[in-house]
Amino acid sequence: MATELTLLTPVLIVLLLFVVFCGRLADARLRVDDAAHQAVRAATLARSSVQATSSARATAEAALGQAGITCRSLGVKAQVGSLRPGSTVIVTVNCEIGLSDLSLLGVPGATTTEASASSVVDQWRGSVTAGGAGG
């Protein structure tokens, strides 16, 4: 009995580490997906394309930071188009996540997770006029 337990213990440890690895990947994908949804919502509330792009990036960084996800490299791409009421905004978030703390399992150093989200600019919001005031 002791010999069998001694032989099975390393296999069980590797299996446990693999389960932790899979759970961590799933959690990271969910967090990046949530960050993309928050970023696209922030972009639809902006009044200009430049502001929409910067709001999307800042919101994605904040959402991932609050979720405890540290990206080695973060890419936020916002397709804002005309940013008129009724138009669609698409935000894509790329996050390279380090896996160095799972080195006992022998997994590669990092994995990249990507998520996209789209949202429609509110039909009833005002738009910026030539004078700079909302209408």
N, C-alpha and C. Protein backbone atom coordinates (compact mmCIF):
# COMPACT_ATOMS: atom_id res chain seq x y z
N MET A 1 0.82 -1.19 0.00
CA MET A 1 0.00 0.00 0.00
C MET A 1 0.87 1.26 0.00
N ALA A 2 1.91 1.27 0.81
CA ALA A 2 2.78 2.44 0.88
C ALA A 2 3.53 2.64 -0.44
N THR A 3 3.91 1.58 -1.09
CA THR A 3 4.60 1.68 -2.38
C THR A 3 3.68 2.26 -3.44
N GLU A 4 2.44 1.83 -3.47
CA GLU A 4 1.48 2.36 -4.43
C GLU A 4 1.24 3.84 -4.21
N LEU A 5 1.11 4.23 -2.96
CA LEU A 5 0.90 5.63 -2.62
C LEU A 5 2.11 6.47 -3.01
N THR A 6 3.30 5.94 -2.80
CA THR A 6 4.53 6.64 -3.16
C THR A 6 4.62 6.82 -4.67
N LEU A 7 4.19 5.85 -5.43
CA LEU A 7 4.24 5.95 -6.88
C LEU A 7 3.15 6.86 -7.45
N LEU A 8 2.02 6.91 -6.79
CA LEU A 8 0.90 7.72 -7.28
C LEU A 8 0.98 9.19 -6.87
N THR A 9 1.69 9.52 -5.82
CA THR A 9 1.76 10.89 -5.33
C THR A 9 2.28 11.88 -6.38
N PRO A 10 3.38 11.62 -7.08
CA PRO A 10 3.82 12.58 -8.11
C PRO A 10 2.80 12.76 -9.23
N VAL A 11 2.13 11.68 -9.60
CA VAL A 11 1.11 11.78 -10.65
C VAL A 11 -0.05 12.65 -10.18
N LEU A 12 -0.45 12.48 -8.95
CA LEU A 12 -1.54 13.28 -8.40
C LEU A 12 -1.15 14.76 -8.29
N ILE A 13 0.09 15.03 -7.94
CA ILE A 13 0.56 16.42 -7.84
C ILE A 13 0.56 17.08 -9.22
N VAL A 14 1.04 16.36 -10.23
CA VAL A 14 1.04 16.90 -11.60
C VAL A 14 -0.39 17.12 -12.06
N LEU A 15 -1.28 16.21 -11.75
CA LEU A 15 -2.69 16.37 -12.11
C LEU A 15 -3.29 17.60 -11.43
N LEU A 16 -2.99 17.80 -10.18
CA LEU A 16 -3.47 18.97 -9.44
C LEU A 16 -2.93 20.25 -10.06
N LEU A 17 -1.65 20.29 -10.40
CA LEU A 17 -1.07 21.47 -11.04
C LEU A 17 -1.71 21.74 -12.40
N PHE A 18 -2.03 20.68 -13.14
CA PHE A 18 -2.69 20.85 -14.43
C PHE A 18 -4.09 21.43 -14.26
N VAL A 19 -4.81 21.00 -13.24
CA VAL A 19 -6.14 21.55 -12.95
C VAL A 19 -6.03 23.03 -12.59
N VAL A 20 -5.03 23.40 -11.80
CA VAL A 20 -4.80 24.80 -11.45
C VAL A 20 -4.48 25.62 -12.70
N PHE A 21 -3.66 25.06 -13.58
CA PHE A 21 -3.30 25.73 -14.83
C PHE A 21 -4.55 25.98 -15.69
N CYS A 22 -5.38 24.96 -15.86
CA CYS A 22 -6.60 25.12 -16.66
C CYS A 22 -7.56 26.12 -16.04
N GLY A 23 -7.70 26.08 -14.74
CA GLY A 23 -8.55 27.05 -14.05
C GLY A 23 -8.04 28.47 -14.19
N ARG A 24 -6.74 28.61 -14.13
CA ARG A 24 -6.14 29.94 -14.28
C ARG A 24 -6.35 30.49 -15.68
N LEU A 25 -6.21 29.65 -16.69
CA LEU A 25 -6.46 30.09 -18.06
C LEU A 25 -7.91 30.48 -18.27
N ALA A 26 -8.82 29.70 -17.75
CA ALA A 26 -10.24 30.00 -17.89
C ALA A 26 -10.58 31.31 -17.18
N ASP A 27 -10.04 31.50 -15.99
CA ASP A 27 -10.29 32.73 -15.25
C ASP A 27 -9.72 33.94 -16.00
N ALA A 28 -8.54 33.81 -16.54
CA ALA A 28 -7.92 34.92 -17.27
C ALA A 28 -8.75 35.27 -18.51
N ARG A 29 -9.24 34.27 -19.21
CA ARG A 29 -10.07 34.54 -20.39
C ARG A 29 -11.35 35.26 -20.01
N LEU A 30 -11.97 34.86 -18.92
CA LEU A 30 -13.18 35.54 -18.47
C LEU A 30 -12.90 36.99 -18.07
N ARG A 31 -11.77 37.22 -17.40
CA ARG A 31 -11.42 38.57 -16.98
C ARG A 31 -11.12 39.48 -18.17
N VAL A 32 -10.42 38.95 -19.18
CA VAL A 32 -10.12 39.74 -20.38
C VAL A 32 -11.41 40.02 -21.15
N ASP A 33 -12.30 39.05 -21.19
CA ASP A 33 -13.60 39.26 -21.85
C ASP A 33 -14.39 40.35 -21.14
N ASP A 34 -14.39 40.32 -19.82
CA ASP A 34 -15.08 41.36 -19.04
C ASP A 34 -14.43 42.73 -19.27
N ALA A 35 -13.11 42.77 -19.34
CA ALA A 35 -12.42 44.04 -19.60
C ALA A 35 -12.79 44.59 -20.98
N ALA A 36 -12.95 43.72 -21.97
CA ALA A 36 -13.35 44.17 -23.30
C ALA A 36 -14.76 44.76 -23.27
N HIS A 37 -15.66 44.14 -22.53
CA HIS A 37 -17.02 44.66 -22.41
C HIS A 37 -17.04 46.03 -21.72
N GLN A 38 -16.26 46.16 -20.65
CA GLN A 38 -16.20 47.45 -19.97
C GLN A 38 -15.57 48.52 -20.85
N ALA A 39 -14.54 48.14 -21.61
CA ALA A 39 -13.84 49.09 -22.48
C ALA A 39 -14.74 49.58 -23.61
N VAL A 40 -15.52 48.68 -24.20
CA VAL A 40 -16.39 49.11 -25.30
C VAL A 40 -17.50 50.02 -24.78
N ARG A 41 -17.98 49.75 -23.59
CA ARG A 41 -19.01 50.64 -23.00
C ARG A 41 -18.43 52.03 -22.75
N ALA A 42 -17.21 52.09 -22.25
CA ALA A 42 -16.57 53.39 -22.02
C ALA A 42 -16.36 54.12 -23.34
N ALA A 43 -16.01 53.39 -24.39
CA ALA A 43 -15.79 54.01 -25.70
C ALA A 43 -17.08 54.58 -26.27
N THR A 44 -18.21 53.92 -26.04
CA THR A 44 -19.48 54.43 -26.58
C THR A 44 -19.96 55.68 -25.85
N LEU A 45 -19.45 55.92 -24.67
CA LEU A 45 -19.84 57.11 -23.93
C LEU A 45 -19.00 58.33 -24.29
N ALA A 46 -17.90 58.12 -25.01
CA ALA A 46 -17.00 59.23 -25.38
C ALA A 46 -17.64 60.10 -26.45
N ARG A 47 -17.12 61.33 -26.57
CA ARG A 47 -17.66 62.28 -27.54
C ARG A 47 -16.81 62.41 -28.80
N SER A 48 -15.59 61.86 -28.79
CA SER A 48 -14.73 61.93 -29.97
C SER A 48 -14.01 60.60 -30.14
N SER A 49 -13.49 60.37 -31.32
CA SER A 49 -12.78 59.12 -31.59
C SER A 49 -11.53 58.98 -30.73
N VAL A 50 -10.80 60.09 -30.57
CA VAL A 50 -9.58 60.06 -29.75
C VAL A 50 -9.92 59.76 -28.30
N GLN A 51 -10.96 60.41 -27.81
CA GLN A 51 -11.38 60.18 -26.43
C GLN A 51 -11.90 58.74 -26.26
N ALA A 52 -12.58 58.21 -27.26
CA ALA A 52 -13.10 56.84 -27.18
C ALA A 52 -11.96 55.83 -27.10
N THR A 53 -10.92 56.03 -27.90
CA THR A 53 -9.78 55.13 -27.89
C THR A 53 -9.05 55.17 -26.56
N SER A 54 -8.82 56.37 -26.04
CA SER A 54 -8.11 56.48 -24.76
C SER A 54 -8.97 55.99 -23.60
N SER A 55 -10.26 56.21 -23.65
CA SER A 55 -11.16 55.71 -22.60
C SER A 55 -11.21 54.19 -22.61
N ALA A 56 -11.21 53.60 -23.80
CA ALA A 56 -11.24 52.14 -23.90
C ALA A 56 -9.98 51.54 -23.29
N ARG A 57 -8.82 52.11 -23.60
CA ARG A 57 -7.57 51.59 -23.07
C ARG A 57 -7.50 51.75 -21.55
N ALA A 58 -7.84 52.94 -21.06
CA ALA A 58 -7.78 53.19 -19.62
C ALA A 58 -8.74 52.28 -18.87
N THR A 59 -9.92 52.06 -19.42
CA THR A 59 -10.90 51.20 -18.76
C THR A 59 -10.45 49.75 -18.75
N ALA A 60 -9.88 49.28 -19.86
CA ALA A 60 -9.38 47.90 -19.91
C ALA A 60 -8.25 47.70 -18.91
N GLU A 61 -7.32 48.66 -18.83
CA GLU A 61 -6.22 48.56 -17.86
C GLU A 61 -6.75 48.51 -16.44
N ALA A 62 -7.73 49.39 -16.13
CA ALA A 62 -8.29 49.43 -14.79
C ALA A 62 -9.04 48.14 -14.45
N ALA A 63 -9.82 47.63 -15.40
CA ALA A 63 -10.59 46.41 -15.16
C ALA A 63 -9.68 45.22 -14.92
N LEU A 64 -8.63 45.10 -15.71
CA LEU A 64 -7.70 43.99 -15.52
C LEU A 64 -6.91 44.15 -14.21
N GLY A 65 -6.55 45.37 -13.88
CA GLY A 65 -5.84 45.62 -12.63
C GLY A 65 -6.68 45.27 -11.42
N GLN A 66 -7.97 45.65 -11.45
CA GLN A 66 -8.86 45.33 -10.34
C GLN A 66 -9.12 43.83 -10.24
N ALA A 67 -9.05 43.13 -11.37
CA ALA A 67 -9.27 41.68 -11.38
C ALA A 67 -8.02 40.90 -10.97
N GLY A 68 -6.89 41.61 -10.82
CA GLY A 68 -5.66 40.95 -10.43
C GLY A 68 -4.92 40.30 -11.58
N ILE A 69 -5.24 40.69 -12.81
CA ILE A 69 -4.57 40.15 -13.99
C ILE A 69 -3.47 41.13 -14.39
N THR A 70 -2.24 40.63 -14.44
CA THR A 70 -1.09 41.44 -14.86
C THR A 70 -0.69 40.99 -16.26
N CYS A 71 -0.78 41.91 -17.20
CA CYS A 71 -0.44 41.60 -18.59
C CYS A 71 1.01 41.99 -18.84
N ARG A 72 1.77 41.07 -19.45
CA ARG A 72 3.13 41.43 -19.88
C ARG A 72 3.04 42.48 -20.97
N SER A 73 2.11 42.31 -21.87
CA SER A 73 1.83 43.33 -22.88
C SER A 73 0.32 43.38 -23.07
N LEU A 74 -0.19 44.59 -23.15
CA LEU A 74 -1.62 44.81 -23.29
C LEU A 74 -1.87 45.58 -24.57
N GLY A 75 -2.75 45.06 -25.39
CA GLY A 75 -3.15 45.74 -26.61
C GLY A 75 -4.64 45.99 -26.60
N VAL A 76 -5.02 47.24 -26.83
CA VAL A 76 -6.44 47.60 -26.89
C VAL A 76 -6.66 48.31 -28.21
N LYS A 77 -7.49 47.72 -29.06
CA LYS A 77 -7.79 48.30 -30.37
C LYS A 77 -9.27 48.64 -30.41
N ALA A 78 -9.56 49.91 -30.67
CA ALA A 78 -10.94 50.37 -30.73
C ALA A 78 -11.29 50.79 -32.16
N GLN A 79 -12.32 50.19 -32.69
CA GLN A 79 -12.86 50.59 -33.99
C GLN A 79 -14.10 51.41 -33.73
N VAL A 80 -13.95 52.73 -33.77
CA VAL A 80 -15.04 53.60 -33.36
C VAL A 80 -15.85 54.13 -34.53
N GLY A 81 -15.33 54.09 -35.73
CA GLY A 81 -16.09 54.58 -36.88
C GLY A 81 -16.44 56.04 -36.72
N SER A 82 -17.68 56.38 -37.00
CA SER A 82 -18.12 57.78 -36.94
C SER A 82 -18.52 58.21 -35.54
N LEU A 83 -18.74 57.27 -34.65
CA LEU A 83 -19.15 57.52 -33.27
C LEU A 83 -20.44 58.35 -33.19
N ARG A 84 -21.31 58.14 -34.12
CA ARG A 84 -22.62 58.79 -34.16
C ARG A 84 -23.64 57.91 -33.45
N PRO A 85 -24.72 58.50 -32.94
CA PRO A 85 -25.76 57.68 -32.32
C PRO A 85 -26.27 56.60 -33.27
N GLY A 86 -26.32 55.38 -32.77
CA GLY A 86 -26.75 54.25 -33.57
C GLY A 86 -25.62 53.48 -34.23
N SER A 87 -24.41 54.05 -34.26
CA SER A 87 -23.28 53.34 -34.86
C SER A 87 -22.72 52.32 -33.87
N THR A 88 -21.94 51.38 -34.37
CA THR A 88 -21.40 50.31 -33.55
C THR A 88 -19.91 50.54 -33.29
N VAL A 89 -19.49 50.32 -32.06
CA VAL A 89 -18.09 50.42 -31.66
C VAL A 89 -17.62 49.00 -31.30
N ILE A 90 -16.44 48.64 -31.76
CA ILE A 90 -15.86 47.33 -31.46
C ILE A 90 -14.51 47.53 -30.78
N VAL A 91 -14.30 46.86 -29.68
CA VAL A 91 -13.03 46.93 -28.96
C VAL A 91 -12.47 45.51 -28.84
N THR A 92 -11.18 45.38 -29.16
CA THR A 92 -10.48 44.11 -29.02
C THR A 92 -9.35 44.29 -28.01
N VAL A 93 -9.30 43.40 -27.02
CA VAL A 93 -8.28 43.46 -25.97
C VAL A 93 -7.40 42.22 -26.09
N ASN A 94 -6.08 42.42 -26.19
CA ASN A 94 -5.09 41.34 -26.19
C ASN A 94 -4.26 41.46 -24.92
N CYS A 95 -4.10 40.37 -24.22
CA CYS A 95 -3.33 40.37 -22.98
C CYS A 95 -2.41 39.15 -22.95
N GLU A 96 -1.12 39.40 -22.82
CA GLU A 96 -0.15 38.32 -22.67
C GLU A 96 0.06 38.09 -21.18
N ILE A 97 -0.30 36.90 -20.73
CA ILE A 97 -0.29 36.57 -19.31
C ILE A 97 0.87 35.63 -19.01
N GLY A 98 1.69 36.00 -18.04
CA GLY A 98 2.83 35.18 -17.65
C GLY A 98 2.40 33.98 -16.82
N LEU A 99 3.07 32.87 -17.04
CA LEU A 99 2.76 31.63 -16.31
C LEU A 99 3.96 31.13 -15.51
N SER A 100 4.88 32.01 -15.19
CA SER A 100 6.11 31.60 -14.53
C SER A 100 5.88 31.02 -13.14
N ASP A 101 4.79 31.37 -12.49
CA ASP A 101 4.53 30.82 -11.15
C ASP A 101 4.05 29.36 -11.21
N LEU A 102 3.81 28.85 -12.41
CA LEU A 102 3.43 27.44 -12.56
C LEU A 102 4.58 26.64 -13.17
N SER A 103 5.79 26.99 -12.81
CA SER A 103 6.97 26.38 -13.43
C SER A 103 7.13 24.89 -13.10
N LEU A 104 6.55 24.42 -12.02
CA LEU A 104 6.64 23.00 -11.68
C LEU A 104 5.96 22.12 -12.72
N LEU A 105 4.98 22.67 -13.42
CA LEU A 105 4.26 21.91 -14.43
C LEU A 105 4.99 21.91 -15.77
N GLY A 106 5.91 22.82 -15.96
CA GLY A 106 6.66 22.88 -17.20
C GLY A 106 5.90 23.50 -18.35
N VAL A 107 4.99 24.43 -18.06
CA VAL A 107 4.23 25.11 -19.11
C VAL A 107 5.07 26.24 -19.69
N PRO A 108 4.75 26.69 -20.91
CA PRO A 108 5.51 27.80 -21.50
C PRO A 108 5.42 29.05 -20.64
N GLY A 109 6.27 30.03 -20.93
CA GLY A 109 6.36 31.23 -20.11
C GLY A 109 5.18 32.15 -20.13
N ALA A 110 4.37 32.15 -21.21
CA ALA A 110 3.25 33.07 -21.28
C ALA A 110 2.21 32.54 -22.26
N THR A 111 1.01 33.05 -22.12
CA THR A 111 -0.07 32.76 -23.07
C THR A 111 -0.78 34.07 -23.39
N THR A 112 -1.28 34.18 -24.59
CA THR A 112 -1.98 35.39 -25.00
C THR A 112 -3.47 35.11 -25.09
N THR A 113 -4.24 35.99 -24.48
CA THR A 113 -5.70 35.87 -24.49
C THR A 113 -6.27 37.08 -25.20
N GLU A 114 -7.26 36.85 -26.05
CA GLU A 114 -7.88 37.94 -26.81
C GLU A 114 -9.39 37.88 -26.65
N ALA A 115 -9.99 39.06 -26.51
CA ALA A 115 -11.45 39.14 -26.42
C ALA A 115 -11.91 40.38 -27.16
N SER A 116 -13.06 40.27 -27.81
CA SER A 116 -13.66 41.39 -28.51
C SER A 116 -15.07 41.60 -28.00
N ALA A 117 -15.49 42.85 -28.02
CA ALA A 117 -16.85 43.17 -27.63
C ALA A 117 -17.33 44.33 -28.50
N SER A 118 -18.62 44.36 -28.74
CA SER A 118 -19.19 45.46 -29.53
C SER A 118 -20.39 46.03 -28.78
N SER A 119 -20.63 47.31 -29.05
CA SER A 119 -21.75 47.99 -28.42
C SER A 119 -22.21 49.11 -29.34
N VAL A 120 -23.48 49.41 -29.26
CA VAL A 120 -24.06 50.46 -30.09
C VAL A 120 -24.05 51.77 -29.31
N VAL A 121 -23.67 52.85 -29.99
CA VAL A 121 -23.71 54.17 -29.37
C VAL A 121 -25.18 54.52 -29.14
N ASP A 122 -25.49 55.03 -27.97
CA ASP A 122 -26.86 55.33 -27.58
C ASP A 122 -27.56 56.19 -28.64
N GLN A 123 -28.72 55.73 -29.08
CA GLN A 123 -29.47 56.41 -30.14
C GLN A 123 -29.93 57.80 -29.71
N TRP A 124 -30.16 58.00 -28.43
CA TRP A 124 -30.77 59.24 -27.96
C TRP A 124 -29.78 60.21 -27.34
N ARG A 125 -28.50 59.91 -27.40
CA ARG A 125 -27.53 60.84 -26.82
C ARG A 125 -27.28 61.99 -27.79
N GLY A 126 -26.85 63.11 -27.26
CA GLY A 126 -26.53 64.25 -28.09
C GLY A 126 -25.22 64.03 -28.80
N SER A 127 -24.99 64.76 -29.85
CA SER A 127 -23.73 64.68 -30.58
C SER A 127 -23.02 66.02 -30.50
N VAL A 128 -21.73 66.03 -30.74
CA VAL A 128 -20.95 67.25 -30.68
C VAL A 128 -21.22 68.05 -31.95
N THR A 129 -21.55 69.33 -31.77
CA THR A 129 -21.80 70.21 -32.91
C THR A 129 -20.55 71.00 -33.23
N ALA A 130 -20.59 71.79 -34.28
CA ALA A 130 -19.42 72.58 -34.70
C ALA A 130 -18.98 73.53 -33.61
N GLY A 131 -19.87 74.03 -32.80
CA GLY A 131 -19.52 74.97 -31.74
C GLY A 131 -18.94 74.29 -30.51
N GLY A 132 -18.97 72.96 -30.46
CA GLY A 132 -18.37 72.24 -29.34
C GLY A 132 -19.38 71.84 -28.28
N ALA A 133 -20.63 72.34 -28.37
CA ALA A 133 -21.63 71.99 -27.37
C ALA A 133 -22.42 70.79 -27.84
N GLY A 134 -22.90 70.02 -26.90
CA GLY A 134 -23.71 68.86 -27.24
C GLY A 134 -25.09 69.29 -27.68
N GLY A 135 -25.72 68.49 -28.53
CA GLY A 135 -27.01 68.90 -29.04
C GLY A 135 -28.07 67.90 -28.87
